[in-house]
Every structure is written in structure tokens, then in C-alpha cells.
């Protein structure tokens, strides 16, 4: 049951990040938009949790770094 829960979290993170990039590439969403920053942070956090549960340490480090970048991005866009 717990495996499926974290799998759903991981899949949702991948889908959200992919959607975010598709929207950005198709000029539907700009990188300095609040929604873009929120979606990136959600996706990175979901993948971080999935990797942490699976003990994939390099992926944990990568997504931990992306979470920090995501938080800084959210701070930047919400200060505008």
C-alpha cells in the first residue's frame, strides 16, 4: 500500500514537471509566472519524496537542490 502511495506521488511529480515544460515551450506559461514556480516546486518535492522512499540518494540530492531553487523562484515571483 505504501509503495503505491509513493509511486503515485512520483508519477504526479513527473507529470507536473512535464506539463510545466510543455506549457513553457508552447508559450502558454512564462518562467516568471507564479503558477510555473509552484508547479516546479511541487514536482521537485514529489520526486524528492519518491526518491527518498526508494533510497535513490543521488536523485534525493538532485531534487533537494531543485527544491531549494524552487523556493527561491517562488520568493522571487511573489515579491513582484
PDB file of N, CA and C in Angstrom:
ATOM      1  N   UNK A   1       0.823  -1.197   0.000  1.00  0.00           N
ATOM      2  CA  UNK A   1       0.000   0.000   0.000  1.00  0.00           C
ATOM      3  C   UNK A   1       0.867   1.261   0.000  1.00  0.00           C
ATOM      4  N   UNK A   2       1.896   1.279   0.844  1.00  0.00           N
ATOM      5  CA  UNK A   2       2.778   2.437   0.912  1.00  0.00           C
ATOM      6  C   UNK A   2       3.567   2.598  -0.383  1.00  0.00           C
ATOM      7  N   UNK A   3       3.961   1.463  -0.997  1.00  0.00           N
ATOM      8  CA  UNK A   3       4.672   1.524  -2.277  1.00  0.00           C
ATOM      9  C   UNK A   3       3.831   2.230  -3.335  1.00  0.00           C
ATOM     10  N   UNK A   4       2.561   1.890  -3.404  1.00  0.00           N
ATOM     11  CA  UNK A   4       1.671   2.501  -4.393  1.00  0.00           C
ATOM     12  C   UNK A   4       1.480   3.989  -4.124  1.00  0.00           C
ATOM     13  N   UNK A   5       1.398   4.356  -2.852  1.00  0.00           N
ATOM     14  CA  UNK A   5       1.247   5.761  -2.475  1.00  0.00           C
ATOM     15  C   UNK A   5       2.422   6.586  -2.996  1.00  0.00           C
ATOM     16  N   UNK A   6       3.644   6.119  -2.747  1.00  0.00           N
ATOM     17  CA  UNK A   6       4.818   6.862  -3.198  1.00  0.00           C
ATOM     18  C   UNK A   6       4.980   6.801  -4.709  1.00  0.00           C
ATOM     19  N   UNK A   7       4.544   5.718  -5.330  1.00  0.00           N
ATOM     20  CA  UNK A   7       4.570   5.642  -6.786  1.00  0.00           C
ATOM     21  C   UNK A   7       3.655   6.709  -7.384  1.00  0.00           C
ATOM     22  N   UNK A   8       2.473   6.873  -6.826  1.00  0.00           N
ATOM     23  CA  UNK A   8       1.539   7.902  -7.307  1.00  0.00           C
ATOM     24  C   UNK A   8       2.139   9.294  -7.112  1.00  0.00           C
ATOM     25  N   UNK A   9       2.783   9.504  -5.974  1.00  0.00           N
ATOM     26  CA  UNK A   9       3.450  10.795  -5.740  1.00  0.00           C
ATOM     27  C   UNK A   9       4.524  11.035  -6.798  1.00  0.00           C
ATOM     28  N   UNK A  10       5.344  10.028  -7.067  1.00  0.00           N
ATOM     29  CA  UNK A  10       6.405  10.163  -8.067  1.00  0.00           C
ATOM     30  C   UNK A  10       5.863  10.418  -9.457  1.00  0.00           C
ATOM     31  N   UNK A  11       4.842   9.676  -9.838  1.00  0.00           N
ATOM     32  CA  UNK A  11       4.241   9.867 -11.158  1.00  0.00           C
ATOM     33  C   UNK A  11       3.639  11.264 -11.276  1.00  0.00           C
ATOM     34  N   UNK A  12       2.978  11.722 -10.222  1.00  0.00           N
ATOM     35  CA  UNK A  12       2.393  13.068 -10.273  1.00  0.00           C
ATOM     36  C   UNK A  12       3.479  14.126 -10.429  1.00  0.00           C
ATOM     37  N   UNK A  13       4.619  13.931  -9.769  1.00  0.00           N
ATOM     38  CA  UNK A  13       5.731  14.873  -9.911  1.00  0.00           C
ATOM     39  C   UNK A  13       6.262  14.933 -11.328  1.00  0.00           C
ATOM     40  N   UNK A  14       6.427  13.764 -11.949  1.00  0.00           N
ATOM     41  CA  UNK A  14       6.898  13.708 -13.339  1.00  0.00           C
ATOM     42  C   UNK A  14       5.901  14.396 -14.267  1.00  0.00           C
ATOM     43  N   UNK A  15       4.625  14.083 -14.096  1.00  0.00           N
ATOM     44  CA  UNK A  15       3.598  14.660 -14.966  1.00  0.00           C
ATOM     45  C   UNK A  15       3.509  16.175 -14.822  1.00  0.00           C
ATOM     46  N   UNK A  16       3.594  16.660 -13.588  1.00  0.00           N
ATOM     47  CA  UNK A  16       3.514  18.109 -13.353  1.00  0.00           C
ATOM     48  C   UNK A  16       4.708  18.827 -13.970  1.00  0.00           C
ATOM     49  N   UNK A  17       5.909  18.278 -13.784  1.00  0.00           N
ATOM     50  CA  UNK A  17       7.094  18.916 -14.364  1.00  0.00           C
ATOM     51  C   UNK A  17       7.026  18.880 -15.888  1.00  0.00           C
ATOM     52  N   UNK A  18       6.608  17.748 -16.453  1.00  0.00           N
ATOM     53  CA  UNK A  18       6.480  17.647 -17.908  1.00  0.00           C
ATOM     54  C   UNK A  18       5.446  18.650 -18.426  1.00  0.00           C
ATOM     55  N   UNK A  19       4.304  18.734 -17.763  1.00  0.00           N
ATOM     56  CA  UNK A  19       3.270  19.693 -18.157  1.00  0.00           C
ATOM     57  C   UNK A  19       3.807  21.123 -18.092  1.00  0.00           C
ATOM     58  N   UNK A  20       4.524  21.426 -17.045  1.00  0.00           N
ATOM     59  CA  UNK A  20       5.089  22.756 -16.868  1.00  0.00           C
ATOM     60  C   UNK A  20       6.011  23.119 -18.027  1.00  0.00           C
ATOM     61  N   UNK A  21       6.887  22.184 -18.411  1.00  0.00           N
ATOM     62  CA  UNK A  21       7.803  22.456 -19.518  1.00  0.00           C
ATOM     63  C   UNK A  21       7.060  22.564 -20.850  1.00  0.00           C
ATOM     64  N   UNK A  22       6.049  21.737 -21.056  1.00  0.00           N
ATOM     65  CA  UNK A  22       5.255  21.823 -22.283  1.00  0.00           C
ATOM     66  C   UNK A  22       4.561  23.177 -22.370  1.00  0.00           C
ATOM     67  N   UNK A  23       3.983  23.624 -21.268  1.00  0.00           N
ATOM     68  CA  UNK A  23       3.323  24.935 -21.253  1.00  0.00           C
ATOM     69  C   UNK A  23       4.312  26.063 -21.504  1.00  0.00           C
ATOM     70  N   UNK A  24       5.503  25.941 -20.962  1.00  0.00           N
ATOM     71  CA  UNK A  24       6.519  26.985 -21.144  1.00  0.00           C
ATOM     72  C   UNK A  24       7.024  27.002 -22.582  1.00  0.00           C
ATOM     73  N   UNK A  25       7.285  25.839 -23.144  1.00  0.00           N
ATOM     74  CA  UNK A  25       7.784  25.763 -24.516  1.00  0.00           C
ATOM     75  C   UNK A  25       6.747  26.260 -25.514  1.00  0.00           C
ATOM     76  N   UNK A  26       5.478  26.003 -25.242  1.00  0.00           N
ATOM     77  CA  UNK A  26       4.412  26.429 -26.151  1.00  0.00           C
ATOM     78  C   UNK A  26       3.940  27.864 -25.871  1.00  0.00           C
ATOM     79  N   UNK A  27       4.676  28.579 -25.023  1.00  0.00           N
ATOM     80  CA  UNK A  27       4.383  29.975 -24.681  1.00  0.00           C
ATOM     81  C   UNK A  27       3.027  30.173 -24.011  1.00  0.00           C
ATOM     82  N   UNK A  28       2.542  29.162 -23.333  1.00  0.00           N
ATOM     83  CA  UNK A  28       1.284  29.272 -22.580  1.00  0.00           C
ATOM     84  C   UNK A  28       1.540  29.734 -21.142  1.00  0.00           C
ATOM     85  N   UNK A  29       2.780  29.564 -20.699  1.00  0.00           N
ATOM     86  CA  UNK A  29       3.142  29.914 -19.323  1.00  0.00           C
ATOM     87  C   UNK A  29       4.589  30.387 -19.325  1.00  0.00           C
ATOM     88  N   UNK A  30       4.838  31.538 -18.722  1.00  0.00           N
ATOM     89  CA  UNK A  30       6.196  32.072 -18.674  1.00  0.00           C
ATOM     90  C   UNK A  30       6.916  31.610 -17.424  1.00  0.00           C
ATOM     91  N   UNK A  31       8.249  31.572 -17.503  1.00  0.00           N
ATOM     92  CA  UNK A  31       9.049  31.109 -16.370  1.00  0.00           C
ATOM     93  C   UNK A  31       8.921  32.010 -15.148  1.00  0.00           C
ATOM     94  N   UNK A  32       8.552  33.255 -15.341  1.00  0.00           N
ATOM     95  CA  UNK A  32       8.420  34.168 -14.204  1.00  0.00           C
ATOM     96  C   UNK A  32       6.987  34.227 -13.671  1.00  0.00           C
ATOM     97  N   UNK A  33       6.144  33.288 -14.086  1.00  0.00           N
ATOM     98  CA  UNK A  33       4.764  33.223 -13.624  1.00  0.00           C
ATOM     99  C   UNK A  33       4.688  32.440 -12.306  1.00  0.00           C
ATOM    100  N   UNK A  34       3.782  32.838 -11.432  1.00  0.00           N
ATOM    101  CA  UNK A  34       3.639  32.189 -10.121  1.00  0.00           C
ATOM    102  C   UNK A  34       3.278  30.715 -10.249  1.00  0.00           C
ATOM    103  N   UNK A  35       2.397  30.397 -11.173  1.00  0.00           N
ATOM    104  CA  UNK A  35       1.972  29.006 -11.363  1.00  0.00           C
ATOM    105  C   UNK A  35       3.162  28.141 -11.784  1.00  0.00           C
ATOM    106  N   UNK A  36       4.002  28.658 -12.652  1.00  0.00           N
ATOM    107  CA  UNK A  36       5.197  27.923 -13.105  1.00  0.00           C
ATOM    108  C   UNK A  36       6.080  27.570 -11.906  1.00  0.00           C
ATOM    109  N   UNK A  37       6.315  28.539 -11.042  1.00  0.00           N
ATOM    110  CA  UNK A  37       7.164  28.315  -9.872  1.00  0.00           C
ATOM    111  C   UNK A  37       6.538  27.300  -8.917  1.00  0.00           C
ATOM    112  N   UNK A  38       5.243  27.403  -8.698  1.00  0.00           N
ATOM    113  CA  UNK A  38       4.546  26.483  -7.789  1.00  0.00           C
ATOM    114  C   UNK A  38       4.575  25.059  -8.340  1.00  0.00           C
ATOM    115  N   UNK A  39       4.309  24.914  -9.637  1.00  0.00           N
ATOM    116  CA  UNK A  39       4.306  23.588 -10.242  1.00  0.00           C
ATOM    117  C   UNK A  39       5.697  22.951 -10.200  1.00  0.00           C
ATOM    118  N   UNK A  40       6.730  23.744 -10.465  1.00  0.00           N
ATOM    119  CA  UNK A  40       8.096  23.209 -10.390  1.00  0.00           C
ATOM    120  C   UNK A  40       8.425  22.759  -8.974  1.00  0.00           C
ATOM    121  N   UNK A  41       8.041  23.553  -7.995  1.00  0.00           N
ATOM    122  CA  UNK A  41       8.316  23.180  -6.605  1.00  0.00           C
ATOM    123  C   UNK A  41       7.558  21.912  -6.230  1.00  0.00           C
ATOM    124  N   UNK A  42       6.296  21.818  -6.639  1.00  0.00           N
ATOM    125  CA  UNK A  42       5.530  20.603  -6.346  1.00  0.00           C
ATOM    126  C   UNK A  42       6.186  19.379  -6.983  1.00  0.00           C
ATOM    127  N   UNK A  43       6.534  19.501  -8.268  1.00  0.00           N
ATOM    128  CA  UNK A  43       7.136  18.375  -8.976  1.00  0.00           C
ATOM    129  C   UNK A  43       8.438  17.933  -8.347  1.00  0.00           C
ATOM    130  N   UNK A  44       9.293  18.872  -8.006  1.00  0.00           N
ATOM    131  CA  UNK A  44      10.569  18.540  -7.369  1.00  0.00           C
ATOM    132  C   UNK A  44      10.358  17.893  -6.007  1.00  0.00           C
ATOM    133  N   UNK A  45       9.412  18.404  -5.253  1.00  0.00           N
ATOM    134  CA  UNK A  45       9.134  17.851  -3.922  1.00  0.00           C
ATOM    135  C   UNK A  45       8.569  16.442  -4.025  1.00  0.00           C
ATOM    136  N   UNK A  46       7.674  16.229  -4.972  1.00  0.00           N
ATOM    137  CA  UNK A  46       7.102  14.891  -5.162  1.00  0.00           C
ATOM    138  C   UNK A  46       8.182  13.896  -5.555  1.00  0.00           C
ATOM    139  N   UNK A  47       9.056  14.287  -6.474  1.00  0.00           N
ATOM    140  CA  UNK A  47      10.136  13.388  -6.888  1.00  0.00           C
ATOM    141  C   UNK A  47      11.159  13.181  -5.777  1.00  0.00           C
ATOM    142  N   UNK A  48      11.380  14.198  -4.959  1.00  0.00           N
ATOM    143  CA  UNK A  48      12.259  14.065  -3.797  1.00  0.00           C
ATOM    144  C   UNK A  48      11.713  13.007  -2.838  1.00  0.00           C
ATOM    145  N   UNK A  49      10.417  13.087  -2.541  1.00  0.00           N
ATOM    146  CA  UNK A  49       9.800  12.122  -1.632  1.00  0.00           C
ATOM    147  C   UNK A  49       9.850  10.709  -2.199  1.00  0.00           C
ATOM    148  N   UNK A  50       9.592  10.581  -3.494  1.00  0.00           N
ATOM    149  CA  UNK A  50       9.639   9.274  -4.143  1.00  0.00           C
ATOM    150  C   UNK A  50      11.052   8.696  -4.074  1.00  0.00           C
ATOM    151  N   UNK A  51      12.049   9.518  -4.371  1.00  0.00           N
ATOM    152  CA  UNK A  51      13.432   9.059  -4.334  1.00  0.00           C
ATOM    153  C   UNK A  51      13.873   8.740  -2.907  1.00  0.00           C
ATOM    154  N   UNK A  52      13.432   9.541  -1.952  1.00  0.00           N
ATOM    155  CA  UNK A  52      13.768   9.296  -0.553  1.00  0.00           C
ATOM    156  C   UNK A  52      13.186   7.962  -0.093  1.00  0.00           C
ATOM    157  N   UNK A  53      11.959   7.691  -0.453  1.00  0.00           N
ATOM    158  CA  UNK A  53      11.324   6.429  -0.095  1.00  0.00           C
ATOM    159  C   UNK A  53      12.058   5.246  -0.730  1.00  0.00           C
ATOM    160  N   UNK A  54      12.497   5.430  -1.968  1.00  0.00           N
ATOM    161  CA  UNK A  54      13.211   4.373  -2.678  1.00  0.00           C
ATOM    162  C   UNK A  54      14.696   4.321  -2.387  1.00  0.00           C
ATOM    163  N   UNK A  55      15.173   5.247  -1.560  1.00  0.00           N
ATOM    164  CA  UNK A  55      16.595   5.336  -1.183  1.00  0.00           C
ATOM    165  C   UNK A  55      17.502   5.485  -2.403  1.00  0.00           C
ATOM    166  N   UNK A  56      17.077   6.342  -3.326  1.00  0.00           N
ATOM    167  CA  UNK A  56      17.876   6.658  -4.505  1.00  0.00           C
ATOM    168  C   UNK A  56      18.570   7.980  -4.200  1.00  0.00           C
ATOM    169  N   UNK A  57      19.724   7.889  -3.560  1.00  0.00           N
ATOM    170  CA  UNK A  57      20.343   9.046  -2.919  1.00  0.00           C
ATOM    171  C   UNK A  57      20.777  10.141  -3.889  1.00  0.00           C
ATOM    172  N   UNK A  58      21.287   9.782  -5.049  1.00  0.00           N
ATOM    173  CA  UNK A  58      21.675  10.822  -5.999  1.00  0.00           C
ATOM    174  C   UNK A  58      20.461  11.618  -6.478  1.00  0.00           C
ATOM    175  N   UNK A  59      19.345  10.944  -6.654  1.00  0.00           N
ATOM    176  CA  UNK A  59      18.107  11.603  -7.052  1.00  0.00           C
ATOM    177  C   UNK A  59      17.553  12.446  -5.896  1.00  0.00           C
ATOM    178  N   UNK A  60      17.764  11.990  -4.676  1.00  0.00           N
ATOM    179  CA  UNK A  60      17.371  12.779  -3.495  1.00  0.00           C
ATOM    180  C   UNK A  60      18.157  14.087  -3.474  1.00  0.00           C
ATOM    181  N   UNK A  61      19.465  13.986  -3.712  1.00  0.00           N
ATOM    182  CA  UNK A  61      20.318  15.189  -3.717  1.00  0.00           C
ATOM    183  C   UNK A  61      19.902  16.139  -4.833  1.00  0.00           C
ATOM    184  N   UNK A  62      19.708  15.597  -6.035  1.00  0.00           N
ATOM    185  CA  UNK A  62      19.315  16.430  -7.173  1.00  0.00           C
ATOM    186  C   UNK A  62      18.004  17.150  -6.904  1.00  0.00           C
ATOM    187  N   UNK A  63      17.005  16.428  -6.456  1.00  0.00           N
ATOM    188  CA  UNK A  63      15.706  17.056  -6.221  1.00  0.00           C
ATOM    189  C   UNK A  63      15.708  17.944  -4.984  1.00  0.00           C
ATOM    190  N   UNK A  64      16.548  17.646  -4.010  1.00  0.00           N
ATOM    191  CA  UNK A  64      16.719  18.559  -2.878  1.00  0.00           C
ATOM    192  C   UNK A  64      17.246  19.903  -3.350  1.00  0.00           C
ATOM    193  N   UNK A  65      18.211  19.841  -4.256  1.00  0.00           N
ATOM    194  CA  UNK A  65      18.750  21.070  -4.842  1.00  0.00           C
ATOM    195  C   UNK A  65      17.657  21.808  -5.622  1.00  0.00           C
ATOM    196  N   UNK A  66      16.852  21.062  -6.404  1.00  0.00           N
ATOM    197  CA  UNK A  66      15.780  21.686  -7.182  1.00  0.00           C
ATOM    198  C   UNK A  66      14.689  22.272  -6.286  1.00  0.00           C
ATOM    199  N   UNK A  67      14.473  21.683  -5.123  1.00  0.00           N
ATOM    200  CA  UNK A  67      13.516  22.258  -4.162  1.00  0.00           C
ATOM    201  C   UNK A  67      14.017  23.615  -3.673  1.00  0.00           C
ATOM    202  N   UNK A  68      15.296  23.686  -3.365  1.00  0.00           N
ATOM    203  CA  UNK A  68      15.873  24.966  -2.914  1.00  0.00           C
ATOM    204  C   UNK A  68      15.725  26.023  -4.014  1.00  0.00           C
ATOM    205  N   UNK A  69      16.053  25.644  -5.248  1.00  0.00           N
ATOM    206  CA  UNK A  69      15.896  26.562  -6.378  1.00  0.00           C
ATOM    207  C   UNK A  69      14.426  26.951  -6.547  1.00  0.00           C
ATOM    208  N   UNK A  70      13.525  25.980  -6.371  1.00  0.00           N
ATOM    209  CA  UNK A  70      12.092  26.253  -6.480  1.00  0.00           C
ATOM    210  C   UNK A  70      11.603  27.226  -5.429  1.00  0.00           C
ATOM    211  N   UNK A  71      12.083  27.071  -4.204  1.00  0.00           N
ATOM    212  CA  UNK A  71      11.699  28.000  -3.132  1.00  0.00           C
ATOM    213  C   UNK A  71      12.200  29.409  -3.455  1.00  0.00           C
ATOM    214  N   UNK A  72      13.435  29.496  -3.921  1.00  0.00           N
ATOM    215  CA  UNK A  72      13.974  30.813  -4.292  1.00  0.00           C
ATOM    216  C   UNK A  72      13.178  31.418  -5.448  1.00  0.00           C
ATOM    217  N   UNK A  73      12.755  30.571  -6.400  1.00  0.00           N
ATOM    218  CA  UNK A  73      11.941  31.054  -7.520  1.00  0.00           C
ATOM    219  C   UNK A  73      10.589  31.573  -7.059  1.00  0.00           C
ATOM    220  N   UNK A  74       9.982  30.872  -6.127  1.00  0.00           N
ATOM    221  CA  UNK A  74       8.690  31.319  -5.598  1.00  0.00           C
ATOM    222  C   UNK A  74       8.840  32.649  -4.849  1.00  0.00           C
ATOM    223  N   UNK A  75       9.878  32.767  -4.070  1.00  0.00           N
ATOM    224  CA  UNK A  75      10.130  34.028  -3.367  1.00  0.00           C
ATOM    225  C   UNK A  75      10.286  35.155  -4.371  1.00  0.00           C
ATOM    226  N   UNK A  76      11.031  34.893  -5.444  1.00  0.00           N
ATOM    227  CA  UNK A  76      11.269  35.917  -6.457  1.00  0.00           C
ATOM    228  C   UNK A  76       9.974  36.348  -7.153  1.00  0.00           C
ATOM    229  N   UNK A  77       9.150  35.388  -7.587  1.00  0.00           N
ATOM    230  CA  UNK A  77       7.951  35.784  -8.333  1.00  0.00           C
ATOM    231  C   UNK A  77       6.883  36.382  -7.440  1.00  0.00           C
ATOM    232  N   UNK A  78       6.843  35.995  -6.164  1.00  0.00           N
ATOM    233  CA  UNK A  78       5.827  36.566  -5.280  1.00  0.00           C
ATOM    234  C   UNK A  78       6.230  37.945  -4.747  1.00  0.00           C
ATOM    235  N   UNK A  79       7.478  38.306  -4.888  1.00  0.00           N
ATOM    236  CA  UNK A  79       7.913  39.652  -4.477  1.00  0.00           C
ATOM    237  C   UNK A  79       7.582  40.697  -5.523  1.00  0.00           C
ATOM    238  N   UNK A  80       7.271  40.277  -6.742  1.00  0.00           N
ATOM    239  CA  UNK A  80       6.971  41.238  -7.824  1.00  0.00           C
ATOM    240  C   UNK A  80       5.662  41.935  -7.577  1.00  0.00           C
TER     241      UNK A  80
END
